[in-house]
Amino acid sequence: MPPAETISVTLPPETVRALRERVEAGEYASLGEVLEDAVQAWQSRRQEDAERLDAIRARIRRSLDDPSPPLSLDEVEAQMEILFAQALDDRRRA
């Protein structure tokens, strides 16, 4: 791991207060640890967002490349009703 680097960041007072409260509560040993955790969570969220976007793009590509004929509006509505009914049923079972 490369050596730590010192940076200066300006944060709103309520954010600094919340960070210090976490340290004072014993959740973190220092403000640096709180910020490191926050940066790691941000990086993780960005990675998850990128993966989700890649999955959406892949689904769109598969759909565009699908040689089957397009569905009519009635067929789409019927399929949507089935999917909504399944989702509702799954929710009731959970």
N, C-alpha and C. Protein backbone atom coordinates (compact mmCIF):
# COMPACT_ATOMS: atom_id res chain seq x y z
N MET A 1 0.85 -1.17 0.00
CA MET A 1 0.00 0.00 0.00
C MET A 1 0.90 1.24 0.00
N PRO A 2 0.62 2.19 -0.90
CA PRO A 2 1.45 3.41 -0.95
C PRO A 2 1.26 4.22 0.33
N PRO A 3 2.26 5.09 0.62
CA PRO A 3 2.14 5.90 1.84
C PRO A 3 0.92 6.81 1.77
N ALA A 4 0.39 7.13 2.95
CA ALA A 4 -0.79 7.99 3.05
C ALA A 4 -0.44 9.39 2.55
N GLU A 5 -1.42 10.05 2.00
CA GLU A 5 -1.26 11.42 1.52
C GLU A 5 -2.22 12.32 2.27
N THR A 6 -1.75 13.48 2.65
CA THR A 6 -2.58 14.43 3.36
C THR A 6 -3.24 15.36 2.35
N ILE A 7 -4.56 15.53 2.50
CA ILE A 7 -5.30 16.46 1.65
C ILE A 7 -6.14 17.36 2.54
N SER A 8 -6.58 18.45 1.98
CA SER A 8 -7.45 19.37 2.71
C SER A 8 -8.81 19.36 2.03
N VAL A 9 -9.85 19.13 2.83
CA VAL A 9 -11.21 19.06 2.30
C VAL A 9 -12.09 19.98 3.13
N THR A 10 -12.93 20.75 2.46
CA THR A 10 -13.88 21.60 3.16
C THR A 10 -15.24 20.93 3.12
N LEU A 11 -15.81 20.71 4.30
CA LEU A 11 -17.11 20.05 4.42
C LEU A 11 -18.06 20.94 5.20
N PRO A 12 -19.35 20.79 4.94
CA PRO A 12 -20.34 21.56 5.72
C PRO A 12 -20.24 21.18 7.20
N PRO A 13 -20.53 22.11 8.08
CA PRO A 13 -20.43 21.84 9.53
C PRO A 13 -21.24 20.63 9.97
N GLU A 14 -22.44 20.42 9.42
CA GLU A 14 -23.25 19.28 9.84
C GLU A 14 -22.60 17.95 9.43
N THR A 15 -21.87 17.94 8.33
CA THR A 15 -21.18 16.73 7.91
C THR A 15 -20.01 16.44 8.85
N VAL A 16 -19.25 17.48 9.18
CA VAL A 16 -18.13 17.31 10.12
C VAL A 16 -18.64 16.84 11.47
N ARG A 17 -19.75 17.42 11.93
CA ARG A 17 -20.34 17.02 13.20
C ARG A 17 -20.73 15.53 13.16
N ALA A 18 -21.35 15.10 12.09
CA ALA A 18 -21.75 13.70 11.97
C ALA A 18 -20.52 12.78 11.96
N LEU A 19 -19.46 13.19 11.28
CA LEU A 19 -18.24 12.39 11.25
C LEU A 19 -17.63 12.28 12.64
N ARG A 20 -17.54 13.41 13.32
CA ARG A 20 -16.96 13.40 14.67
C ARG A 20 -17.80 12.58 15.65
N GLU A 21 -19.11 12.61 15.48
CA GLU A 21 -19.98 11.81 16.34
C GLU A 21 -19.69 10.32 16.19
N ARG A 22 -19.40 9.89 14.97
CA ARG A 22 -19.09 8.47 14.73
C ARG A 22 -17.78 8.09 15.42
N VAL A 23 -16.81 9.01 15.38
CA VAL A 23 -15.54 8.75 16.06
C VAL A 23 -15.76 8.73 17.57
N GLU A 24 -16.46 9.73 18.09
CA GLU A 24 -16.72 9.80 19.54
C GLU A 24 -17.53 8.61 20.03
N ALA A 25 -18.38 8.06 19.17
CA ALA A 25 -19.18 6.89 19.55
C ALA A 25 -18.34 5.61 19.54
N GLY A 26 -17.11 5.72 19.07
CA GLY A 26 -16.22 4.55 19.06
C GLY A 26 -16.34 3.69 17.82
N GLU A 27 -17.12 4.13 16.84
CA GLU A 27 -17.26 3.34 15.61
C GLU A 27 -15.99 3.39 14.77
N TYR A 28 -15.24 4.47 14.90
CA TYR A 28 -14.00 4.67 14.15
C TYR A 28 -12.95 5.25 15.09
N ALA A 29 -11.69 5.00 14.77
CA ALA A 29 -10.60 5.52 15.60
C ALA A 29 -10.25 6.96 15.25
N SER A 30 -10.59 7.37 14.02
CA SER A 30 -10.21 8.73 13.59
C SER A 30 -11.13 9.20 12.48
N LEU A 31 -11.08 10.50 12.22
CA LEU A 31 -11.83 11.05 11.08
C LEU A 31 -11.33 10.45 9.78
N GLY A 32 -10.05 10.19 9.71
CA GLY A 32 -9.49 9.57 8.50
C GLY A 32 -10.11 8.22 8.21
N GLU A 33 -10.34 7.42 9.26
CA GLU A 33 -10.99 6.11 9.06
C GLU A 33 -12.42 6.27 8.57
N VAL A 34 -13.13 7.25 9.12
CA VAL A 34 -14.51 7.49 8.69
C VAL A 34 -14.52 7.84 7.20
N LEU A 35 -13.63 8.75 6.82
CA LEU A 35 -13.57 9.19 5.42
C LEU A 35 -13.13 8.05 4.50
N GLU A 36 -12.19 7.23 4.95
CA GLU A 36 -11.76 6.09 4.15
C GLU A 36 -12.92 5.13 3.92
N ASP A 37 -13.70 4.88 4.97
CA ASP A 37 -14.88 4.02 4.84
C ASP A 37 -15.88 4.62 3.85
N ALA A 38 -16.08 5.93 3.95
CA ALA A 38 -17.02 6.61 3.04
C ALA A 38 -16.55 6.52 1.60
N VAL A 39 -15.26 6.69 1.38
CA VAL A 39 -14.72 6.61 0.01
C VAL A 39 -14.86 5.18 -0.52
N GLN A 40 -14.59 4.19 0.32
CA GLN A 40 -14.74 2.80 -0.11
C GLN A 40 -16.19 2.49 -0.46
N ALA A 41 -17.13 3.00 0.33
CA ALA A 41 -18.56 2.79 0.03
C ALA A 41 -18.93 3.47 -1.28
N TRP A 42 -18.39 4.67 -1.50
CA TRP A 42 -18.65 5.40 -2.75
C TRP A 42 -18.10 4.63 -3.94
N GLN A 43 -16.87 4.12 -3.80
CA GLN A 43 -16.28 3.35 -4.89
C GLN A 43 -17.08 2.09 -5.17
N SER A 44 -17.53 1.42 -4.12
CA SER A 44 -18.33 0.21 -4.27
C SER A 44 -19.64 0.52 -4.98
N ARG A 45 -20.30 1.62 -4.58
CA ARG A 45 -21.56 2.01 -5.23
C ARG A 45 -21.34 2.34 -6.70
N ARG A 46 -20.27 3.03 -7.00
CA ARG A 46 -19.97 3.35 -8.40
C ARG A 46 -19.73 2.08 -9.22
N GLN A 47 -19.03 1.10 -8.62
CA GLN A 47 -18.78 -0.16 -9.31
C GLN A 47 -20.09 -0.91 -9.55
N GLU A 48 -20.95 -0.95 -8.52
CA GLU A 48 -22.25 -1.61 -8.68
C GLU A 48 -23.09 -0.91 -9.74
N ASP A 49 -23.06 0.42 -9.76
CA ASP A 49 -23.80 1.17 -10.79
C ASP A 49 -23.27 0.84 -12.18
N ALA A 50 -21.95 0.76 -12.32
CA ALA A 50 -21.35 0.44 -13.62
C ALA A 50 -21.73 -0.97 -14.06
N GLU A 51 -21.73 -1.91 -13.12
CA GLU A 51 -22.11 -3.28 -13.45
C GLU A 51 -23.58 -3.36 -13.85
N ARG A 52 -24.43 -2.62 -13.13
CA ARG A 52 -25.85 -2.60 -13.46
C ARG A 52 -26.06 -2.00 -14.85
N LEU A 53 -25.35 -0.92 -15.15
CA LEU A 53 -25.46 -0.30 -16.46
C LEU A 53 -24.96 -1.24 -17.56
N ASP A 54 -23.87 -1.96 -17.30
CA ASP A 54 -23.39 -2.94 -18.28
C ASP A 54 -24.43 -4.03 -18.53
N ALA A 55 -25.10 -4.47 -17.45
CA ALA A 55 -26.13 -5.51 -17.60
C ALA A 55 -27.31 -4.98 -18.41
N ILE A 56 -27.69 -3.74 -18.17
CA ILE A 56 -28.79 -3.13 -18.94
C ILE A 56 -28.40 -3.02 -20.40
N ARG A 57 -27.18 -2.57 -20.66
CA ARG A 57 -26.71 -2.46 -22.05
C ARG A 57 -26.69 -3.82 -22.74
N ALA A 58 -26.28 -4.85 -22.00
CA ALA A 58 -26.25 -6.20 -22.57
C ALA A 58 -27.66 -6.67 -22.90
N ARG A 59 -28.62 -6.38 -22.02
CA ARG A 59 -30.01 -6.78 -22.29
C ARG A 59 -30.55 -6.04 -23.51
N ILE A 60 -30.23 -4.76 -23.61
CA ILE A 60 -30.67 -3.99 -24.78
C ILE A 60 -30.06 -4.57 -26.04
N ARG A 61 -28.76 -4.88 -25.99
CA ARG A 61 -28.07 -5.45 -27.16
C ARG A 61 -28.71 -6.77 -27.55
N ARG A 62 -28.98 -7.65 -26.55
CA ARG A 62 -29.63 -8.93 -26.86
C ARG A 62 -31.00 -8.70 -27.49
N SER A 63 -31.73 -7.72 -26.98
CA SER A 63 -33.05 -7.42 -27.52
C SER A 63 -32.96 -6.93 -28.95
N LEU A 64 -32.01 -6.04 -29.21
CA LEU A 64 -31.85 -5.51 -30.57
C LEU A 64 -31.39 -6.60 -31.55
N ASP A 65 -30.59 -7.54 -31.04
CA ASP A 65 -30.07 -8.62 -31.89
C ASP A 65 -31.03 -9.79 -32.02
N ASP A 66 -32.11 -9.79 -31.25
CA ASP A 66 -33.07 -10.90 -31.27
C ASP A 66 -33.80 -10.94 -32.60
N PRO A 67 -33.71 -12.07 -33.32
CA PRO A 67 -34.34 -12.15 -34.64
C PRO A 67 -35.85 -12.39 -34.60
N SER A 68 -36.42 -12.67 -33.40
CA SER A 68 -37.85 -12.94 -33.38
C SER A 68 -38.65 -11.69 -33.73
N PRO A 69 -39.83 -11.90 -34.29
CA PRO A 69 -40.64 -10.75 -34.70
C PRO A 69 -41.08 -9.92 -33.49
N PRO A 70 -41.27 -8.63 -33.67
CA PRO A 70 -41.70 -7.78 -32.56
C PRO A 70 -43.10 -8.18 -32.08
N LEU A 71 -43.38 -7.89 -30.82
CA LEU A 71 -44.69 -8.19 -30.25
C LEU A 71 -45.65 -7.04 -30.54
N SER A 72 -46.92 -7.40 -30.63
CA SER A 72 -47.95 -6.37 -30.77
C SER A 72 -48.17 -5.73 -29.41
N LEU A 73 -48.85 -4.59 -29.39
CA LEU A 73 -49.16 -3.92 -28.13
C LEU A 73 -49.98 -4.83 -27.22
N ASP A 74 -50.94 -5.54 -27.79
CA ASP A 74 -51.76 -6.46 -26.99
C ASP A 74 -50.90 -7.57 -26.37
N GLU A 75 -49.94 -8.09 -27.14
CA GLU A 75 -49.06 -9.14 -26.62
C GLU A 75 -48.19 -8.60 -25.47
N VAL A 76 -47.70 -7.38 -25.65
CA VAL A 76 -46.88 -6.76 -24.62
C VAL A 76 -47.71 -6.57 -23.35
N GLU A 77 -48.92 -6.05 -23.48
CA GLU A 77 -49.78 -5.83 -22.32
C GLU A 77 -50.09 -7.15 -21.61
N ALA A 78 -50.33 -8.21 -22.37
CA ALA A 78 -50.61 -9.51 -21.78
C ALA A 78 -49.40 -10.03 -21.02
N GLN A 79 -48.22 -9.88 -21.60
CA GLN A 79 -46.99 -10.31 -20.92
C GLN A 79 -46.76 -9.50 -19.65
N MET A 80 -47.01 -8.19 -19.71
CA MET A 80 -46.83 -7.33 -18.53
C MET A 80 -47.78 -7.74 -17.42
N GLU A 81 -49.01 -8.05 -17.75
CA GLU A 81 -49.97 -8.49 -16.75
C GLU A 81 -49.50 -9.77 -16.07
N ILE A 82 -48.95 -10.68 -16.84
CA ILE A 82 -48.42 -11.94 -16.28
C ILE A 82 -47.26 -11.64 -15.34
N LEU A 83 -46.34 -10.78 -15.78
CA LEU A 83 -45.18 -10.45 -14.95
C LEU A 83 -45.59 -9.75 -13.66
N PHE A 84 -46.53 -8.80 -13.75
CA PHE A 84 -47.01 -8.11 -12.56
C PHE A 84 -47.69 -9.07 -11.60
N ALA A 85 -48.48 -9.99 -12.14
CA ALA A 85 -49.15 -10.98 -11.30
C ALA A 85 -48.13 -11.87 -10.60
N GLN A 86 -47.08 -12.28 -11.32
CA GLN A 86 -46.03 -13.11 -10.72
C GLN A 86 -45.30 -12.34 -9.62
N ALA A 87 -45.00 -11.08 -9.88
CA ALA A 87 -44.28 -10.26 -8.89
C ALA A 87 -45.14 -10.08 -7.64
N LEU A 88 -46.42 -9.85 -7.83
CA LEU A 88 -47.34 -9.70 -6.69
C LEU A 88 -47.41 -10.99 -5.89
N ASP A 89 -47.49 -12.10 -6.59
CA ASP A 89 -47.54 -13.42 -5.94
C ASP A 89 -46.24 -13.67 -5.17
N ASP A 90 -45.09 -13.35 -5.78
CA ASP A 90 -43.81 -13.53 -5.10
C ASP A 90 -43.73 -12.66 -3.84
N ARG A 91 -44.23 -11.46 -3.94
CA ARG A 91 -44.21 -10.54 -2.79
C ARG A 91 -45.07 -11.06 -1.65
N ARG A 92 -46.21 -11.62 -1.99
CA ARG A 92 -47.11 -12.16 -0.96
C ARG A 92 -46.48 -13.36 -0.25
N ARG A 93 -45.69 -14.14 -0.97
CA ARG A 93 -45.04 -15.32 -0.39
C ARG A 93 -43.85 -14.95 0.48
N ALA A 94 -43.26 -13.79 0.22
CA ALA A 94 -42.04 -13.40 0.96
C ALA A 94 -42.33 -12.94 2.36
